[in-house]
N, C-alpha and C. Protein backbone atom coordinates (compact mmCIF):
# COMPACT_ATOMS: atom_id res chain seq x y z
N MET A 1 0.86 -1.18 0.00
CA MET A 1 0.00 0.00 0.00
C MET A 1 0.90 1.23 0.00
N LEU A 2 0.60 2.19 -0.82
CA LEU A 2 1.44 3.37 -0.97
C LEU A 2 1.37 4.27 0.25
N CYS A 3 0.21 4.51 0.75
CA CYS A 3 0.06 5.43 1.89
C CYS A 3 -0.69 4.73 3.00
N ASP A 4 0.04 4.17 3.93
CA ASP A 4 -0.64 3.59 5.09
C ASP A 4 -0.64 4.66 6.17
N HIS A 5 -1.76 4.88 6.76
CA HIS A 5 -1.92 5.97 7.72
C HIS A 5 -1.34 5.62 9.09
N ARG A 6 -0.55 4.56 9.18
CA ARG A 6 0.03 4.17 10.44
C ARG A 6 1.39 4.79 10.68
N GLY A 7 2.00 5.39 9.67
CA GLY A 7 3.29 6.03 9.83
C GLY A 7 4.43 5.04 9.92
N GLY A 8 4.28 3.86 9.33
CA GLY A 8 5.30 2.84 9.43
C GLY A 8 6.62 3.24 8.80
N ILE A 9 6.58 3.90 7.66
CA ILE A 9 7.81 4.32 7.00
C ILE A 9 8.53 5.37 7.84
N ALA A 10 7.79 6.34 8.33
CA ALA A 10 8.41 7.38 9.16
C ALA A 10 8.96 6.79 10.45
N ASP A 11 8.29 5.80 11.02
CA ASP A 11 8.76 5.17 12.24
C ASP A 11 10.13 4.53 12.04
N ARG A 12 10.32 3.88 10.89
CA ARG A 12 11.59 3.19 10.65
C ARG A 12 12.74 4.17 10.48
N PHE A 13 12.48 5.33 9.88
CA PHE A 13 13.57 6.25 9.58
C PHE A 13 13.86 7.25 10.68
N TRP A 14 12.86 7.66 11.44
CA TRP A 14 13.06 8.76 12.36
C TRP A 14 12.85 8.45 13.84
N THR A 15 12.69 7.21 14.20
CA THR A 15 12.52 6.87 15.61
C THR A 15 13.40 5.68 15.97
N ASP A 16 13.46 5.36 17.23
CA ASP A 16 14.29 4.26 17.72
C ASP A 16 13.45 3.00 17.93
N ASP A 17 12.92 2.44 16.91
CA ASP A 17 12.11 1.22 16.96
C ASP A 17 10.90 1.32 17.88
N SER A 18 10.55 2.51 18.31
CA SER A 18 9.34 2.66 19.11
C SER A 18 8.24 3.20 18.21
N SER A 19 7.06 2.72 18.40
CA SER A 19 5.97 3.13 17.52
C SER A 19 5.48 4.53 17.92
N VAL A 20 5.08 5.27 16.94
CA VAL A 20 4.55 6.61 17.15
C VAL A 20 3.03 6.50 17.13
N THR A 21 2.39 7.00 18.17
CA THR A 21 0.93 6.94 18.19
C THR A 21 0.38 8.12 17.39
N LEU A 22 -0.59 7.83 16.57
CA LEU A 22 -1.22 8.86 15.75
C LEU A 22 -2.54 9.26 16.37
N THR A 23 -2.79 10.53 16.34
CA THR A 23 -4.07 11.03 16.84
C THR A 23 -5.05 11.10 15.67
N GLU A 24 -6.27 11.42 16.00
CA GLU A 24 -7.28 11.56 14.95
C GLU A 24 -6.95 12.73 14.04
N LEU A 25 -6.35 13.79 14.58
CA LEU A 25 -5.94 14.92 13.75
C LEU A 25 -4.88 14.52 12.74
N ASP A 26 -3.94 13.64 13.15
CA ASP A 26 -2.92 13.15 12.22
C ASP A 26 -3.56 12.36 11.09
N ARG A 27 -4.52 11.53 11.43
CA ARG A 27 -5.19 10.73 10.40
C ARG A 27 -5.97 11.61 9.42
N ARG A 28 -6.64 12.64 9.97
CA ARG A 28 -7.38 13.55 9.08
C ARG A 28 -6.44 14.30 8.16
N LEU A 29 -5.30 14.75 8.70
CA LEU A 29 -4.32 15.45 7.88
C LEU A 29 -3.78 14.53 6.80
N ALA A 30 -3.50 13.29 7.14
CA ALA A 30 -3.00 12.33 6.15
C ALA A 30 -4.03 12.10 5.06
N ARG A 31 -5.32 12.04 5.42
CA ARG A 31 -6.37 11.88 4.41
C ARG A 31 -6.44 13.09 3.50
N LYS A 32 -6.31 14.30 4.08
CA LYS A 32 -6.36 15.51 3.26
C LYS A 32 -5.19 15.55 2.29
N VAL A 33 -4.00 15.20 2.77
CA VAL A 33 -2.83 15.19 1.90
C VAL A 33 -3.00 14.16 0.80
N GLN A 34 -3.48 12.98 1.16
CA GLN A 34 -3.68 11.94 0.16
C GLN A 34 -4.72 12.37 -0.89
N ASN A 35 -5.81 12.98 -0.45
CA ASN A 35 -6.82 13.44 -1.40
C ASN A 35 -6.27 14.53 -2.31
N GLN A 36 -5.45 15.43 -1.76
CA GLN A 36 -4.88 16.49 -2.58
C GLN A 36 -3.91 15.92 -3.61
N ILE A 37 -3.13 14.92 -3.22
CA ILE A 37 -2.22 14.29 -4.18
C ILE A 37 -3.00 13.60 -5.29
N TRP A 38 -4.08 12.89 -4.94
CA TRP A 38 -4.90 12.24 -5.96
C TRP A 38 -5.54 13.28 -6.88
N ARG A 39 -5.95 14.42 -6.33
CA ARG A 39 -6.53 15.47 -7.15
C ARG A 39 -5.51 16.00 -8.16
N MET A 40 -4.27 16.22 -7.70
CA MET A 40 -3.23 16.71 -8.61
C MET A 40 -2.91 15.68 -9.68
N ILE A 41 -2.86 14.41 -9.29
CA ILE A 41 -2.61 13.35 -10.27
C ILE A 41 -3.75 13.30 -11.29
N GLY A 42 -4.97 13.43 -10.82
CA GLY A 42 -6.11 13.40 -11.73
C GLY A 42 -6.09 14.55 -12.72
N LEU A 43 -5.76 15.74 -12.24
CA LEU A 43 -5.70 16.89 -13.15
C LEU A 43 -4.58 16.73 -14.16
N LEU A 44 -3.43 16.28 -13.70
CA LEU A 44 -2.31 16.13 -14.60
C LEU A 44 -2.59 15.05 -15.64
N CYS A 45 -3.07 13.90 -15.19
CA CYS A 45 -3.32 12.80 -16.13
C CYS A 45 -4.58 13.02 -16.96
N GLY A 46 -5.56 13.72 -16.40
CA GLY A 46 -6.82 13.92 -17.13
C GLY A 46 -6.80 15.08 -18.08
N ILE A 47 -5.98 16.11 -17.78
CA ILE A 47 -5.96 17.30 -18.63
C ILE A 47 -4.57 17.55 -19.20
N GLY A 48 -3.56 17.53 -18.33
CA GLY A 48 -2.22 17.93 -18.74
C GLY A 48 -1.62 17.05 -19.81
N VAL A 49 -1.61 15.76 -19.58
CA VAL A 49 -0.98 14.83 -20.52
C VAL A 49 -1.74 14.80 -21.85
N PRO A 50 -3.07 14.66 -21.87
CA PRO A 50 -3.76 14.65 -23.16
C PRO A 50 -3.57 15.94 -23.97
N VAL A 51 -3.63 17.09 -23.30
CA VAL A 51 -3.44 18.36 -24.02
C VAL A 51 -2.03 18.43 -24.59
N THR A 52 -1.05 18.01 -23.82
CA THR A 52 0.33 18.01 -24.31
C THR A 52 0.48 17.10 -25.52
N LEU A 53 -0.08 15.92 -25.45
CA LEU A 53 0.03 14.98 -26.57
C LEU A 53 -0.68 15.50 -27.82
N ILE A 54 -1.84 16.11 -27.63
CA ILE A 54 -2.57 16.67 -28.78
C ILE A 54 -1.77 17.82 -29.39
N CYS A 55 -1.19 18.68 -28.56
CA CYS A 55 -0.40 19.80 -29.08
C CYS A 55 0.83 19.31 -29.83
N ILE A 56 1.46 18.26 -29.33
CA ILE A 56 2.63 17.71 -30.03
C ILE A 56 2.20 17.05 -31.33
N ALA A 57 1.11 16.28 -31.29
CA ALA A 57 0.67 15.55 -32.48
C ALA A 57 0.25 16.49 -33.60
N TYR A 58 -0.45 17.57 -33.27
CA TYR A 58 -0.94 18.48 -34.30
C TYR A 58 -0.09 19.74 -34.44
N ASN A 59 1.06 19.79 -33.77
CA ASN A 59 1.99 20.90 -33.85
C ASN A 59 1.30 22.23 -33.52
N ILE A 60 0.61 22.26 -32.41
CA ILE A 60 -0.11 23.46 -31.97
C ILE A 60 0.79 24.24 -31.04
N ASP A 61 0.92 25.54 -31.28
CA ASP A 61 1.73 26.41 -30.42
C ASP A 61 0.79 27.12 -29.45
N LEU A 62 0.91 26.82 -28.18
CA LEU A 62 0.06 27.43 -27.18
C LEU A 62 0.72 28.63 -26.49
N GLY A 63 1.81 29.13 -27.07
CA GLY A 63 2.52 30.27 -26.48
C GLY A 63 1.64 31.49 -26.30
N PRO A 64 0.94 31.96 -27.34
CA PRO A 64 0.10 33.15 -27.16
C PRO A 64 -1.02 32.94 -26.15
N LEU A 65 -1.60 31.76 -26.14
CA LEU A 65 -2.65 31.46 -25.16
C LEU A 65 -2.09 31.45 -23.75
N ALA A 66 -0.91 30.87 -23.58
CA ALA A 66 -0.29 30.83 -22.26
C ALA A 66 0.05 32.24 -21.77
N ARG A 67 0.54 33.10 -22.67
CA ARG A 67 0.84 34.48 -22.27
C ARG A 67 -0.43 35.23 -21.89
N ALA A 68 -1.53 34.99 -22.58
CA ALA A 68 -2.78 35.66 -22.26
C ALA A 68 -3.34 35.16 -20.93
N LEU A 69 -3.24 33.86 -20.70
CA LEU A 69 -3.75 33.30 -19.46
C LEU A 69 -2.90 33.69 -18.25
N LYS A 70 -1.63 34.00 -18.49
CA LYS A 70 -0.75 34.37 -17.39
C LYS A 70 -1.25 35.64 -16.69
N SER A 71 -1.72 36.62 -17.46
CA SER A 71 -2.23 37.85 -16.84
C SER A 71 -3.51 37.58 -16.06
N VAL A 72 -4.34 36.68 -16.55
CA VAL A 72 -5.57 36.32 -15.83
C VAL A 72 -5.21 35.65 -14.50
N VAL A 73 -4.22 34.79 -14.51
CA VAL A 73 -3.79 34.11 -13.29
C VAL A 73 -3.21 35.13 -12.31
N TYR A 74 -2.42 36.09 -12.79
CA TYR A 74 -1.88 37.12 -11.91
C TYR A 74 -2.99 37.92 -11.24
N VAL A 75 -3.97 38.31 -12.01
CA VAL A 75 -5.09 39.09 -11.45
C VAL A 75 -5.85 38.25 -10.41
N ALA A 76 -6.08 37.00 -10.72
CA ALA A 76 -6.78 36.12 -9.78
C ALA A 76 -5.99 35.95 -8.49
N ASN A 77 -4.67 35.77 -8.61
CA ASN A 77 -3.84 35.63 -7.40
C ASN A 77 -3.85 36.89 -6.56
N PHE A 78 -3.69 38.04 -7.18
CA PHE A 78 -3.69 39.28 -6.43
C PHE A 78 -5.04 39.54 -5.77
N SER A 79 -6.14 39.19 -6.44
CA SER A 79 -7.44 39.39 -5.83
C SER A 79 -7.66 38.43 -4.66
N ILE A 80 -7.16 37.21 -4.77
CA ILE A 80 -7.26 36.27 -3.65
C ILE A 80 -6.45 36.76 -2.46
N ILE A 81 -5.25 37.28 -2.73
CA ILE A 81 -4.43 37.83 -1.64
C ILE A 81 -5.15 38.99 -0.97
N ALA A 82 -5.69 39.90 -1.77
CA ALA A 82 -6.38 41.07 -1.21
C ALA A 82 -7.61 40.65 -0.40
N LEU A 83 -8.39 39.71 -0.92
CA LEU A 83 -9.57 39.25 -0.20
C LEU A 83 -9.20 38.53 1.09
N THR A 84 -8.11 37.79 1.08
CA THR A 84 -7.66 37.11 2.30
C THR A 84 -7.24 38.11 3.36
N ILE A 85 -6.48 39.12 2.96
CA ILE A 85 -6.06 40.15 3.91
C ILE A 85 -7.28 40.88 4.46
N TRP A 86 -8.21 41.23 3.60
CA TRP A 86 -9.42 41.93 4.03
C TRP A 86 -10.24 41.06 4.99
N GLY A 87 -10.39 39.79 4.66
CA GLY A 87 -11.16 38.88 5.51
C GLY A 87 -10.50 38.67 6.86
N ASN A 88 -9.16 38.57 6.88
CA ASN A 88 -8.47 38.41 8.16
C ASN A 88 -8.61 39.65 9.02
N GLN A 89 -8.55 40.82 8.41
CA GLN A 89 -8.72 42.06 9.17
C GLN A 89 -10.13 42.15 9.75
N ARG A 90 -11.11 41.78 8.96
CA ARG A 90 -12.50 41.78 9.45
C ARG A 90 -12.68 40.81 10.60
N LEU A 91 -12.08 39.64 10.48
CA LEU A 91 -12.18 38.64 11.54
C LEU A 91 -11.53 39.14 12.83
N LYS A 92 -10.36 39.78 12.70
CA LYS A 92 -9.69 40.31 13.88
C LYS A 92 -10.52 41.42 14.53
N GLN A 93 -11.15 42.28 13.71
CA GLN A 93 -12.00 43.33 14.27
C GLN A 93 -13.20 42.73 14.99
N LYS A 94 -13.78 41.70 14.42
CA LYS A 94 -14.92 41.05 15.04
C LYS A 94 -14.51 40.40 16.36
N GLU A 95 -13.34 39.76 16.39
CA GLU A 95 -12.87 39.14 17.63
C GLU A 95 -12.59 40.19 18.69
N ARG A 96 -11.99 41.32 18.30
CA ARG A 96 -11.74 42.39 19.26
C ARG A 96 -13.05 42.93 19.82
N GLY A 97 -14.05 43.06 18.96
CA GLY A 97 -15.35 43.54 19.41
C GLY A 97 -16.00 42.58 20.39
N LEU A 98 -15.89 41.29 20.12
CA LEU A 98 -16.46 40.29 21.03
C LEU A 98 -15.71 40.27 22.36
N GLN A 99 -14.41 40.44 22.31
CA GLN A 99 -13.64 40.46 23.55
C GLN A 99 -13.98 41.71 24.38
N ALA A 100 -14.16 42.84 23.69
CA ALA A 100 -14.48 44.07 24.40
C ALA A 100 -15.86 43.96 25.06
N ARG A 101 -16.81 43.36 24.35
CA ARG A 101 -18.15 43.21 24.94
C ARG A 101 -18.15 42.22 26.07
N GLY A 102 -17.31 41.19 25.99
CA GLY A 102 -17.25 40.18 27.05
C GLY A 102 -16.59 40.74 28.30
N ALA A 103 -15.66 41.68 28.14
CA ALA A 103 -14.97 42.26 29.30
C ALA A 103 -15.76 43.42 29.91
N ASP A 104 -16.69 43.98 29.17
CA ASP A 104 -17.47 45.12 29.63
C ASP A 104 -18.64 44.61 30.48
N PRO A 105 -18.73 44.98 31.76
CA PRO A 105 -19.82 44.46 32.60
C PRO A 105 -21.16 45.11 32.31
N SER A 106 -21.21 46.24 31.60
CA SER A 106 -22.48 46.92 31.37
C SER A 106 -23.31 46.28 30.27
N SER A 107 -22.72 45.37 29.45
CA SER A 107 -23.49 44.78 28.35
C SER A 107 -24.13 43.49 28.71
C-alpha cells in the first residue's frame, strides 16, 4: 500500500524502533494530503498529458494562449491575496469587538 496511515515508513527512519501513536488529527491530515495528491494526479493525467500529446501531435503552439492566461492568473492571485487580507482584518475586528463586549460588565 502506498500510503498507510500508520506512519510505518516514518517510524523506521526517524525513531528508535518505538511506535509513534497517531491522533485523529494526524489521520485527518493524512487523508487531506492523500486526497490532494490524488486530485493533482487526476488533473495532470486527465488534462495535462492529453493536451500536451494533442499539441505535439498536431503541432499546436500554445505560447500566445499561455501568455494571455498568465495575466488572468496574476489578477486572480492578487485578488485572492487582497480578499484574504481583508477577511483576516475583518475577523480580527470582530474578535476584538467580542472580547471588548465580554470584558465590559455593562453589556
